[in-house]
Amino acid sequence: MFFATLTLLALLAVAVFQTMLVQQQRSIDRLHRAVAEEQARNEKLRFEAARLASPSRILGAAEERLGMVQPETMIFMTPPAETAIDVAIAVDAVTGSTSEP
């Protein structure tokens, strides 16, 4: 009788263990699917970010939406040295630092 009871308890323990194992495997499978879905979504978002950041798209949007055009020529202006010194002094006064011009 003792051996039969022990065998029955062992079989019951194995059945409980198998049930827990199956539940855990289902949970793991569900998490694997969720990770795969999020990785695919992340990849799509990376491609979308790259597309949106492309210079040709930005240029097209600036021209079409904002009516901006590229200039025919560019002119660069250099301020006189006195103006640069005055700006450096003003910046030093505002920031409290002391830099030599």
PDB file of N, CA and C in Angstrom:
ATOM      1  N   MET A   1       0.822  -1.188   0.000  1.00  0.00           N
ATOM      2  CA  MET A   1       0.000   0.000   0.000  1.00  0.00           C
ATOM      3  C   MET A   1       0.877   1.267   0.000  1.00  0.00           C
ATOM      4  N   PHE A   2       1.941   1.235   0.790  1.00  0.00           N
ATOM      5  CA  PHE A   2       2.844   2.382   0.862  1.00  0.00           C
ATOM      6  C   PHE A   2       3.473   2.671  -0.501  1.00  0.00           C
ATOM      7  N   PHE A   3       3.912   1.638  -1.177  1.00  0.00           N
ATOM      8  CA  PHE A   3       4.538   1.798  -2.497  1.00  0.00           C
ATOM      9  C   PHE A   3       3.544   2.373  -3.501  1.00  0.00           C
ATOM     10  N   ALA A   4       2.308   1.949  -3.458  1.00  0.00           N
ATOM     11  CA  ALA A   4       1.268   2.442  -4.367  1.00  0.00           C
ATOM     12  C   ALA A   4       0.999   3.919  -4.097  1.00  0.00           C
ATOM     13  N   THR A   5       0.929   4.304  -2.851  1.00  0.00           N
ATOM     14  CA  THR A   5       0.696   5.706  -2.485  1.00  0.00           C
ATOM     15  C   THR A   5       1.874   6.559  -2.917  1.00  0.00           C
ATOM     16  N   LEU A   6       3.055   6.050  -2.691  1.00  0.00           N
ATOM     17  CA  LEU A   6       4.259   6.780  -3.088  1.00  0.00           C
ATOM     18  C   LEU A   6       4.317   6.945  -4.604  1.00  0.00           C
ATOM     19  N   THR A   7       3.965   5.914  -5.328  1.00  0.00           N
ATOM     20  CA  THR A   7       3.943   5.971  -6.789  1.00  0.00           C
ATOM     21  C   THR A   7       2.900   6.976  -7.266  1.00  0.00           C
ATOM     22  N   LEU A   8       1.732   6.948  -6.638  1.00  0.00           N
ATOM     23  CA  LEU A   8       0.662   7.893  -7.002  1.00  0.00           C
ATOM     24  C   LEU A   8       1.088   9.331  -6.738  1.00  0.00           C
ATOM     25  N   LEU A   9       1.730   9.570  -5.616  1.00  0.00           N
ATOM     26  CA  LEU A   9       2.214  10.921  -5.300  1.00  0.00           C
ATOM     27  C   LEU A   9       3.305  11.350  -6.288  1.00  0.00           C
ATOM     28  N   ALA A  10       4.163  10.433  -6.656  1.00  0.00           N
ATOM     29  CA  ALA A  10       5.215  10.759  -7.616  1.00  0.00           C
ATOM     30  C   ALA A  10       4.608  11.102  -8.979  1.00  0.00           C
ATOM     31  N   LEU A  11       3.619  10.338  -9.428  1.00  0.00           N
ATOM     32  CA  LEU A  11       2.944  10.626 -10.697  1.00  0.00           C
ATOM     33  C   LEU A  11       2.214  11.954 -10.647  1.00  0.00           C
ATOM     34  N   LEU A  12       1.587  12.232  -9.509  1.00  0.00           N
ATOM     35  CA  LEU A  12       0.907  13.513  -9.347  1.00  0.00           C
ATOM     36  C   LEU A  12       1.916  14.669  -9.396  1.00  0.00           C
ATOM     37  N   ALA A  13       3.069  14.496  -8.753  1.00  0.00           N
ATOM     38  CA  ALA A  13       4.114  15.526  -8.774  1.00  0.00           C
ATOM     39  C   ALA A  13       4.626  15.740 -10.192  1.00  0.00           C
ATOM     40  N   VAL A  14       4.796  14.643 -10.942  1.00  0.00           N
ATOM     41  CA  VAL A  14       5.254  14.761 -12.330  1.00  0.00           C
ATOM     42  C   VAL A  14       4.214  15.497 -13.164  1.00  0.00           C
ATOM     43  N   ALA A  15       2.939  15.189 -12.951  1.00  0.00           N
ATOM     44  CA  ALA A  15       1.866  15.854 -13.703  1.00  0.00           C
ATOM     45  C   ALA A  15       1.830  17.346 -13.388  1.00  0.00           C
ATOM     46  N   VAL A  16       1.982  17.694 -12.127  1.00  0.00           N
ATOM     47  CA  VAL A  16       2.005  19.112 -11.733  1.00  0.00           C
ATOM     48  C   VAL A  16       3.218  19.802 -12.344  1.00  0.00           C
ATOM     49  N   PHE A  17       4.357  19.136 -12.292  1.00  0.00           N
ATOM     50  CA  PHE A  17       5.570  19.701 -12.865  1.00  0.00           C
ATOM     51  C   PHE A  17       5.413  19.916 -14.371  1.00  0.00           C
ATOM     52  N   GLN A  18       4.855  18.941 -15.065  1.00  0.00           N
ATOM     53  CA  GLN A  18       4.636  19.050 -16.515  1.00  0.00           C
ATOM     54  C   GLN A  18       3.691  20.204 -16.827  1.00  0.00           C
ATOM     55  N   THR A  19       2.637  20.356 -16.038  1.00  0.00           N
ATOM     56  CA  THR A  19       1.694  21.457 -16.232  1.00  0.00           C
ATOM     57  C   THR A  19       2.394  22.794 -16.058  1.00  0.00           C
ATOM     58  N   MET A  20       3.192  22.907 -15.017  1.00  0.00           N
ATOM     59  CA  MET A  20       3.932  24.152 -14.794  1.00  0.00           C
ATOM     60  C   MET A  20       4.915  24.405 -15.928  1.00  0.00           C
ATOM     61  N   LEU A  21       5.557  23.349 -16.405  1.00  0.00           N
ATOM     62  CA  LEU A  21       6.515  23.468 -17.495  1.00  0.00           C
ATOM     63  C   LEU A  21       5.829  23.968 -18.771  1.00  0.00           C
ATOM     64  N   VAL A  22       4.663  23.427 -19.075  1.00  0.00           N
ATOM     65  CA  VAL A  22       3.911  23.842 -20.261  1.00  0.00           C
ATOM     66  C   VAL A  22       3.482  25.299 -20.127  1.00  0.00           C
ATOM     67  N   GLN A  23       3.021  25.685 -18.950  1.00  0.00           N
ATOM     68  CA  GLN A  23       2.614  27.079 -18.739  1.00  0.00           C
ATOM     69  C   GLN A  23       3.792  28.028 -18.911  1.00  0.00           C
ATOM     70  N   GLN A  24       4.932  27.661 -18.374  1.00  0.00           N
ATOM     71  CA  GLN A  24       6.117  28.500 -18.505  1.00  0.00           C
ATOM     72  C   GLN A  24       6.567  28.585 -19.958  1.00  0.00           C
ATOM     73  N   GLN A  25       6.488  27.473 -20.681  1.00  0.00           N
ATOM     74  CA  GLN A  25       6.882  27.482 -22.091  1.00  0.00           C
ATOM     75  C   GLN A  25       5.949  28.365 -22.907  1.00  0.00           C
ATOM     76  N   ARG A  26       4.666  28.321 -22.614  1.00  0.00           N
ATOM     77  CA  ARG A  26       3.707  29.207 -23.303  1.00  0.00           C
ATOM     78  C   ARG A  26       4.049  30.669 -23.025  1.00  0.00           C
ATOM     79  N   SER A  27       4.377  30.949 -21.794  1.00  0.00           N
ATOM     80  CA  SER A  27       4.752  32.322 -21.432  1.00  0.00           C
ATOM     81  C   SER A  27       6.017  32.746 -22.168  1.00  0.00           C
ATOM     82  N   ILE A  28       6.992  31.871 -22.231  1.00  0.00           N
ATOM     83  CA  ILE A  28       8.235  32.171 -22.947  1.00  0.00           C
ATOM     84  C   ILE A  28       7.964  32.387 -24.432  1.00  0.00           C
ATOM     85  N   ASP A  29       7.131  31.525 -25.020  1.00  0.00           N
ATOM     86  CA  ASP A  29       6.780  31.678 -26.437  1.00  0.00           C
ATOM     87  C   ASP A  29       6.084  33.006 -26.698  1.00  0.00           C
ATOM     88  N   ARG A  30       5.177  33.385 -25.804  1.00  0.00           N
ATOM     89  CA  ARG A  30       4.471  34.664 -25.938  1.00  0.00           C
ATOM     90  C   ARG A  30       5.461  35.829 -25.864  1.00  0.00           C
ATOM     91  N   LEU A  31       6.416  35.746 -24.949  1.00  0.00           N
ATOM     92  CA  LEU A  31       7.424  36.803 -24.825  1.00  0.00           C
ATOM     93  C   LEU A  31       8.327  36.859 -26.060  1.00  0.00           C
ATOM     94  N   HIS A  32       8.682  35.695 -26.608  1.00  0.00           N
ATOM     95  CA  HIS A  32       9.498  35.664 -27.825  1.00  0.00           C
ATOM     96  C   HIS A  32       8.759  36.338 -28.984  1.00  0.00           C
ATOM     97  N   ARG A  33       7.467  36.054 -29.098  1.00  0.00           N
ATOM     98  CA  ARG A  33       6.674  36.696 -30.160  1.00  0.00           C
ATOM     99  C   ARG A  33       6.626  38.212 -29.949  1.00  0.00           C
ATOM    100  N   ALA A  34       6.420  38.634 -28.702  1.00  0.00           N
ATOM    101  CA  ALA A  34       6.362  40.072 -28.407  1.00  0.00           C
ATOM    102  C   ALA A  34       7.693  40.740 -28.723  1.00  0.00           C
ATOM    103  N   VAL A  35       8.802  40.088 -28.381  1.00  0.00           N
ATOM    104  CA  VAL A  35      10.126  40.649 -28.680  1.00  0.00           C
ATOM    105  C   VAL A  35      10.323  40.754 -30.187  1.00  0.00           C
ATOM    106  N   ALA A  36       9.943  39.715 -30.923  1.00  0.00           N
ATOM    107  CA  ALA A  36      10.097  39.736 -32.385  1.00  0.00           C
ATOM    108  C   ALA A  36       9.252  40.846 -33.005  1.00  0.00           C
ATOM    109  N   GLU A  37       8.034  41.025 -32.503  1.00  0.00           N
ATOM    110  CA  GLU A  37       7.169  42.098 -33.015  1.00  0.00           C
ATOM    111  C   GLU A  37       7.776  43.472 -32.738  1.00  0.00           C
ATOM    112  N   GLU A  38       8.299  43.648 -31.539  1.00  0.00           N
ATOM    113  CA  GLU A  38       8.889  44.944 -31.184  1.00  0.00           C
ATOM    114  C   GLU A  38      10.172  45.199 -31.965  1.00  0.00           C
ATOM    115  N   GLN A  39      10.950  44.149 -32.230  1.00  0.00           N
ATOM    116  CA  GLN A  39      12.158  44.321 -33.035  1.00  0.00           C
ATOM    117  C   GLN A  39      11.790  44.727 -34.465  1.00  0.00           C
ATOM    118  N   ALA A  40      10.742  44.119 -35.014  1.00  0.00           N
ATOM    119  CA  ALA A  40      10.292  44.494 -36.358  1.00  0.00           C
ATOM    120  C   ALA A  40       9.789  45.933 -36.360  1.00  0.00           C
ATOM    121  N   ARG A  41       9.053  46.304 -35.333  1.00  0.00           N
ATOM    122  CA  ARG A  41       8.550  47.687 -35.222  1.00  0.00           C
ATOM    123  C   ARG A  41       9.716  48.670 -35.094  1.00  0.00           C
ATOM    124  N   ASN A  42      10.709  48.311 -34.295  1.00  0.00           N
ATOM    125  CA  ASN A  42      11.889  49.155 -34.121  1.00  0.00           C
ATOM    126  C   ASN A  42      12.618  49.344 -35.447  1.00  0.00           C
ATOM    127  N   GLU A  43      12.739  48.268 -36.214  1.00  0.00           N
ATOM    128  CA  GLU A  43      13.406  48.346 -37.519  1.00  0.00           C
ATOM    129  C   GLU A  43      12.639  49.284 -38.457  1.00  0.00           C
ATOM    130  N   LYS A  44      11.314  49.167 -38.463  1.00  0.00           N
ATOM    131  CA  LYS A  44      10.495  50.058 -39.299  1.00  0.00           C
ATOM    132  C   LYS A  44      10.682  51.514 -38.880  1.00  0.00           C
ATOM    133  N   LEU A  45      10.718  51.750 -37.571  1.00  0.00           N
ATOM    134  CA  LEU A  45      10.901  53.118 -37.077  1.00  0.00           C
ATOM    135  C   LEU A  45      12.280  53.660 -37.421  1.00  0.00           C
ATOM    136  N   ARG A  46      13.297  52.804 -37.402  1.00  0.00           N
ATOM    137  CA  ARG A  46      14.643  53.246 -37.792  1.00  0.00           C
ATOM    138  C   ARG A  46      14.669  53.662 -39.264  1.00  0.00           C
ATOM    139  N   PHE A  47      14.024  52.849 -40.118  1.00  0.00           N
ATOM    140  CA  PHE A  47      13.966  53.201 -41.536  1.00  0.00           C
ATOM    141  C   PHE A  47      13.187  54.494 -41.742  1.00  0.00           C
ATOM    142  N   GLU A  48      12.101  54.657 -41.011  1.00  0.00           N
ATOM    143  CA  GLU A  48      11.296  55.874 -41.128  1.00  0.00           C
ATOM    144  C   GLU A  48      12.100  57.094 -40.664  1.00  0.00           C
ATOM    145  N   ALA A  49      12.834  56.954 -39.561  1.00  0.00           N
ATOM    146  CA  ALA A  49      13.663  58.058 -39.069  1.00  0.00           C
ATOM    147  C   ALA A  49      14.748  58.406 -40.083  1.00  0.00           C
ATOM    148  N   ALA A  50      15.355  57.393 -40.686  1.00  0.00           N
ATOM    149  CA  ALA A  50      16.391  57.642 -41.692  1.00  0.00           C
ATOM    150  C   ALA A  50      15.787  58.329 -42.911  1.00  0.00           C
ATOM    151  N   ARG A  51      14.594  57.891 -43.307  1.00  0.00           N
ATOM    152  CA  ARG A  51      13.934  58.517 -44.456  1.00  0.00           C
ATOM    153  C   ARG A  51      13.601  59.979 -44.151  1.00  0.00           C
ATOM    154  N   LEU A  52      13.072  60.230 -42.965  1.00  0.00           N
ATOM    155  CA  LEU A  52      12.696  61.600 -42.605  1.00  0.00           C
ATOM    156  C   LEU A  52      13.913  62.502 -42.453  1.00  0.00           C
ATOM    157  N   ALA A  53      15.051  61.942 -42.073  1.00  0.00           N
ATOM    158  CA  ALA A  53      16.255  62.752 -41.863  1.00  0.00           C
ATOM    159  C   ALA A  53      17.075  62.933 -43.128  1.00  0.00           C
ATOM    160  N   SER A  54      16.657  62.317 -44.220  1.00  0.00           N
ATOM    161  CA  SER A  54      17.458  62.416 -45.443  1.00  0.00           C
ATOM    162  C   SER A  54      17.445  63.845 -45.976  1.00  0.00           C
ATOM    163  N   PRO A  55      18.599  64.338 -46.394  1.00  0.00           N
ATOM    164  CA  PRO A  55      18.685  65.715 -46.900  1.00  0.00           C
ATOM    165  C   PRO A  55      17.748  65.973 -48.079  1.00  0.00           C
ATOM    166  N   SER A  56      17.569  65.000 -48.959  1.00  0.00           N
ATOM    167  CA  SER A  56      16.699  65.224 -50.119  1.00  0.00           C
ATOM    168  C   SER A  56      15.251  65.406 -49.687  1.00  0.00           C
ATOM    169  N   ARG A  57      14.797  64.663 -48.662  1.00  0.00           N
ATOM    170  CA  ARG A  57      13.426  64.829 -48.178  1.00  0.00           C
ATOM    171  C   ARG A  57      13.249  66.186 -47.499  1.00  0.00           C
ATOM    172  N   ILE A  58      14.240  66.574 -46.708  1.00  0.00           N
ATOM    173  CA  ILE A  58      14.159  67.864 -46.015  1.00  0.00           C
ATOM    174  C   ILE A  58      14.152  68.998 -47.030  1.00  0.00           C
ATOM    175  N   LEU A  59      15.005  68.900 -48.043  1.00  0.00           N
ATOM    176  CA  LEU A  59      15.051  69.921 -49.095  1.00  0.00           C
ATOM    177  C   LEU A  59      13.715  69.994 -49.834  1.00  0.00           C
ATOM    178  N   GLY A  60      13.148  68.829 -50.164  1.00  0.00           N
ATOM    179  CA  GLY A  60      11.861  68.802 -50.845  1.00  0.00           C
ATOM    180  C   GLY A  60      10.758  69.409 -49.996  1.00  0.00           C
ATOM    181  N   ALA A  61      10.743  69.091 -48.701  1.00  0.00           N
ATOM    182  CA  ALA A  61       9.720  69.647 -47.809  1.00  0.00           C
ATOM    183  C   ALA A  61       9.890  71.158 -47.667  1.00  0.00           C
ATOM    184  N   ALA A  62      11.127  71.617 -47.583  1.00  0.00           N
ATOM    185  CA  ALA A  62      11.370  73.058 -47.462  1.00  0.00           C
ATOM    186  C   ALA A  62      10.882  73.788 -48.701  1.00  0.00           C
ATOM    187  N   GLU A  63      11.120  73.206 -49.870  1.00  0.00           N
ATOM    188  CA  GLU A  63      10.690  73.858 -51.111  1.00  0.00           C
ATOM    189  C   GLU A  63       9.182  73.778 -51.287  1.00  0.00           C
ATOM    190  N   GLU A  64       8.596  72.606 -51.061  1.00  0.00           N
ATOM    191  CA  GLU A  64       7.167  72.415 -51.317  1.00  0.00           C
ATOM    192  C   GLU A  64       6.282  73.029 -50.243  1.00  0.00           C
ATOM    193  N   ARG A  65       6.555  72.710 -48.986  1.00  0.00           N
ATOM    194  CA  ARG A  65       5.688  73.163 -47.904  1.00  0.00           C
ATOM    195  C   ARG A  65       5.931  74.605 -47.496  1.00  0.00           C
ATOM    196  N   LEU A  66       7.205  74.993 -47.441  1.00  0.00           N
ATOM    197  CA  LEU A  66       7.552  76.308 -46.904  1.00  0.00           C
ATOM    198  C   LEU A  66       7.876  77.330 -47.982  1.00  0.00           C
ATOM    199  N   GLY A  67       7.926  76.890 -49.220  1.00  0.00           N
ATOM    200  CA  GLY A  67       8.217  77.815 -50.315  1.00  0.00           C
ATOM    201  C   GLY A  67       9.643  78.324 -50.307  1.00  0.00           C
ATOM    202  N   MET A  68      10.537  77.602 -49.673  1.00  0.00           N
ATOM    203  CA  MET A  68      11.931  78.036 -49.616  1.00  0.00           C
ATOM    204  C   MET A  68      12.640  77.645 -50.908  1.00  0.00           C
ATOM    205  N   VAL A  69      13.605  78.441 -51.301  1.00  0.00           N
ATOM    206  CA  VAL A  69      14.407  78.141 -52.486  1.00  0.00           C
ATOM    207  C   VAL A  69      15.880  78.299 -52.137  1.00  0.00           C
ATOM    208  N   GLN A  70      16.716  77.596 -52.859  1.00  0.00           N
ATOM    209  CA  GLN A  70      18.147  77.741 -52.641  1.00  0.00           C
ATOM    210  C   GLN A  70      18.623  78.994 -53.366  1.00  0.00           C
ATOM    211  N   PRO A  71      19.504  79.758 -52.729  1.00  0.00           N
ATOM    212  CA  PRO A  71      20.009  80.962 -53.376  1.00  0.00           C
ATOM    213  C   PRO A  71      20.915  80.609 -54.556  1.00  0.00           C
ATOM    214  N   GLU A  72      20.943  81.522 -55.508  1.00  0.00           N
ATOM    215  CA  GLU A  72      21.825  81.303 -56.650  1.00  0.00           C
ATOM    216  C   GLU A  72      23.285  81.452 -56.246  1.00  0.00           C
ATOM    217  N   THR A  73      23.560  82.411 -55.377  1.00  0.00           N
ATOM    218  CA  THR A  73      24.923  82.612 -54.884  1.00  0.00           C
ATOM    219  C   THR A  73      24.874  82.812 -53.376  1.00  0.00           C
ATOM    220  N   MET A  74      25.976  82.525 -52.729  1.00  0.00           N
ATOM    221  CA  MET A  74      26.080  82.733 -51.290  1.00  0.00           C
ATOM    222  C   MET A  74      27.108  83.806 -51.025  1.00  0.00           C
ATOM    223  N   ILE A  75      26.772  84.695 -50.101  1.00  0.00           N
ATOM    224  CA  ILE A  75      27.689  85.759 -49.718  1.00  0.00           C
ATOM    225  C   ILE A  75      27.993  85.587 -48.237  1.00  0.00           C
ATOM    226  N   PHE A  76      29.258  85.497 -47.913  1.00  0.00           N
ATOM    227  CA  PHE A  76      29.680  85.393 -46.528  1.00  0.00           C
ATOM    228  C   PHE A  76      30.261  86.733 -46.106  1.00  0.00           C
ATOM    229  N   MET A  77      29.821  87.184 -44.954  1.00  0.00           N
ATOM    230  CA  MET A  77      30.288  88.480 -44.460  1.00  0.00           C
ATOM    231  C   MET A  77      31.156  88.239 -43.240  1.00  0.00           C
ATOM    232  N   THR A  78      32.253  88.967 -43.165  1.00  0.00           N
ATOM    233  CA  THR A  78      33.153  88.894 -42.031  1.00  0.00           C
ATOM    234  C   THR A  78      33.122  90.235 -41.322  1.00  0.00           C
ATOM    235  N   PRO A  79      32.798  90.237 -40.039  1.00  0.00           N
ATOM    236  CA  PRO A  79      32.740  91.517 -39.325  1.00  0.00           C
ATOM    237  C   PRO A  79      34.145  92.070 -39.114  1.00  0.00           C
ATOM    238  N   PRO A  80      34.243  93.385 -38.972  1.00  0.00           N
ATOM    239  CA  PRO A  80      35.550  93.973 -38.675  1.00  0.00           C
ATOM    240  C   PRO A  80      36.076  93.446 -37.335  1.00  0.00           C
ATOM    241  N   ALA A  81      37.378  93.485 -37.168  1.00  0.00           N
ATOM    242  CA  ALA A  81      38.012  92.961 -35.953  1.00  0.00           C
ATOM    243  C   ALA A  81      37.506  93.678 -34.707  1.00  0.00           C
ATOM    244  N   GLU A  82      37.232  94.997 -34.811  1.00  0.00           N
ATOM    245  CA  GLU A  82      36.747  95.744 -33.657  1.00  0.00           C
ATOM    246  C   GLU A  82      35.403  95.199 -33.183  1.00  0.00           C
ATOM    247  N   THR A  83      34.542  94.831 -34.119  1.00  0.00           N
ATOM    248  CA  THR A  83      33.228  94.293 -33.772  1.00  0.00           C
ATOM    249  C   THR A  83      33.383  92.943 -33.066  1.00  0.00           C
ATOM    250  N   ALA A  84      34.286  92.120 -33.547  1.00  0.00           N
ATOM    251  CA  ALA A  84      34.517  90.822 -32.916  1.00  0.00           C
ATOM    252  C   ALA A  84      35.016  90.998 -31.489  1.00  0.00           C
ATOM    253  N   ILE A  85      35.885  91.998 -31.263  1.00  0.00           N
ATOM    254  CA  ILE A  85      36.393  92.262 -29.915  1.00  0.00           C
ATOM    255  C   ILE A  85      35.265  92.754 -29.025  1.00  0.00           C
ATOM    256  N   ASP A  86      34.416  93.655 -29.550  1.00  0.00           N
ATOM    257  CA  ASP A  86      33.276  94.164 -28.773  1.00  0.00           C
ATOM    258  C   ASP A  86      32.330  93.022 -28.387  1.00  0.00           C
ATOM    259  N   VAL A  87      32.095  92.102 -29.308  1.00  0.00           N
ATOM    260  CA  VAL A  87      31.217  90.957 -29.021  1.00  0.00           C
ATOM    261  C   VAL A  87      31.844  90.082 -27.949  1.00  0.00           C
ATOM    262  N   ALA A  88      33.145  89.826 -28.036  1.00  0.00           N
ATOM    263  CA  ALA A  88      33.823  88.996 -27.038  1.00  0.00           C
ATOM    264  C   ALA A  88      33.746  89.640 -25.660  1.00  0.00           C
ATOM    265  N   ILE A  89      33.915  90.962 -25.589  1.00  0.00           N
ATOM    266  CA  ILE A  89      33.823  91.670 -24.305  1.00  0.00           C
ATOM    267  C   ILE A  89      32.412  91.578 -23.759  1.00  0.00           C
ATOM    268  N   ALA A  90      31.405  91.731 -24.621  1.00  0.00           N
ATOM    269  CA  ALA A  90      30.008  91.648 -24.184  1.00  0.00           C
ATOM    270  C   ALA A  90      29.679  90.246 -23.682  1.00  0.00           C
ATOM    271  N   VAL A  91      30.183  89.240 -24.365  1.00  0.00           N
ATOM    272  CA  VAL A  91      29.942  87.857 -23.932  1.00  0.00           C
ATOM    273  C   VAL A  91      30.603  87.618 -22.588  1.00  0.00           C
ATOM    274  N   ASP A  92      31.810  88.101 -22.428  1.00  0.00           N
ATOM    275  CA  ASP A  92      32.504  87.958 -21.136  1.00  0.00           C
ATOM    276  C   ASP A  92      31.719  88.637 -20.025  1.00  0.00           C
ATOM    277  N   ALA A  93      31.153  89.801 -20.301  1.00  0.00           N
ATOM    278  CA  ALA A  93      30.384  90.524 -19.304  1.00  0.00           C
ATOM    279  C   ALA A  93      29.137  89.759 -18.899  1.00  0.00           C
ATOM    280  N   VAL A  94      28.508  89.122 -19.865  1.00  0.00           N
ATOM    281  CA  VAL A  94      27.264  88.377 -19.583  1.00  0.00           C
ATOM    282  C   VAL A  94      27.563  87.077 -18.868  1.00  0.00           C
ATOM    283  N   THR A  95      28.585  86.371 -19.318  1.00  0.00           N
ATOM    284  CA  THR A  95      28.880  85.038 -18.736  1.00  0.00           C
ATOM    285  C   THR A  95      29.758  85.130 -17.503  1.00  0.00           C
ATOM    286  N   GLY A  96      30.418  86.248 -17.316  1.00  0.00           N
ATOM    287  CA  GLY A  96      31.283  86.409 -16.152  1.00  0.00           C
ATOM    288  C   GLY A  96      32.659  85.802 -16.352  1.00  0.00           C
ATOM    289  N   SER A  97      32.959  85.361 -17.558  1.00  0.00           N
ATOM    290  CA  SER A  97      34.290  84.797 -17.805  1.00  0.00           C
ATOM    291  C   SER A  97      35.205  85.881 -18.338  1.00  0.00           C
ATOM    292  N   THR A  98      36.463  85.595 -18.337  1.00  0.00           N
ATOM    293  CA  THR A  98      37.422  86.563 -18.853  1.00  0.00           C
ATOM    294  C   THR A  98      38.267  85.879 -19.902  1.00  0.00           C
ATOM    295  N   SER A  99      37.971  86.161 -21.166  1.00  0.00           N
ATOM    296  CA  SER A  99      38.762  85.591 -22.246  1.00  0.00           C
ATOM    297  C   SER A  99      39.488  86.726 -22.942  1.00  0.00           C
ATOM    298  N   GLU A 100      40.650  86.435 -23.397  1.00  0.00           N
ATOM    299  CA  GLU A 100      41.460  87.426 -24.109  1.00  0.00           C
ATOM    300  C   GLU A 100      41.051  87.445 -25.568  1.00  0.00           C
ATOM    301  N   PRO A 101      40.849  88.626 -26.195  1.00  0.00           N
ATOM    302  CA  PRO A 101      40.488  88.693 -27.615  1.00  0.00           C
ATOM    303  C   PRO A 101      41.655  88.342 -28.515  1.00  0.00           C
TER     304      PRO A 101
END
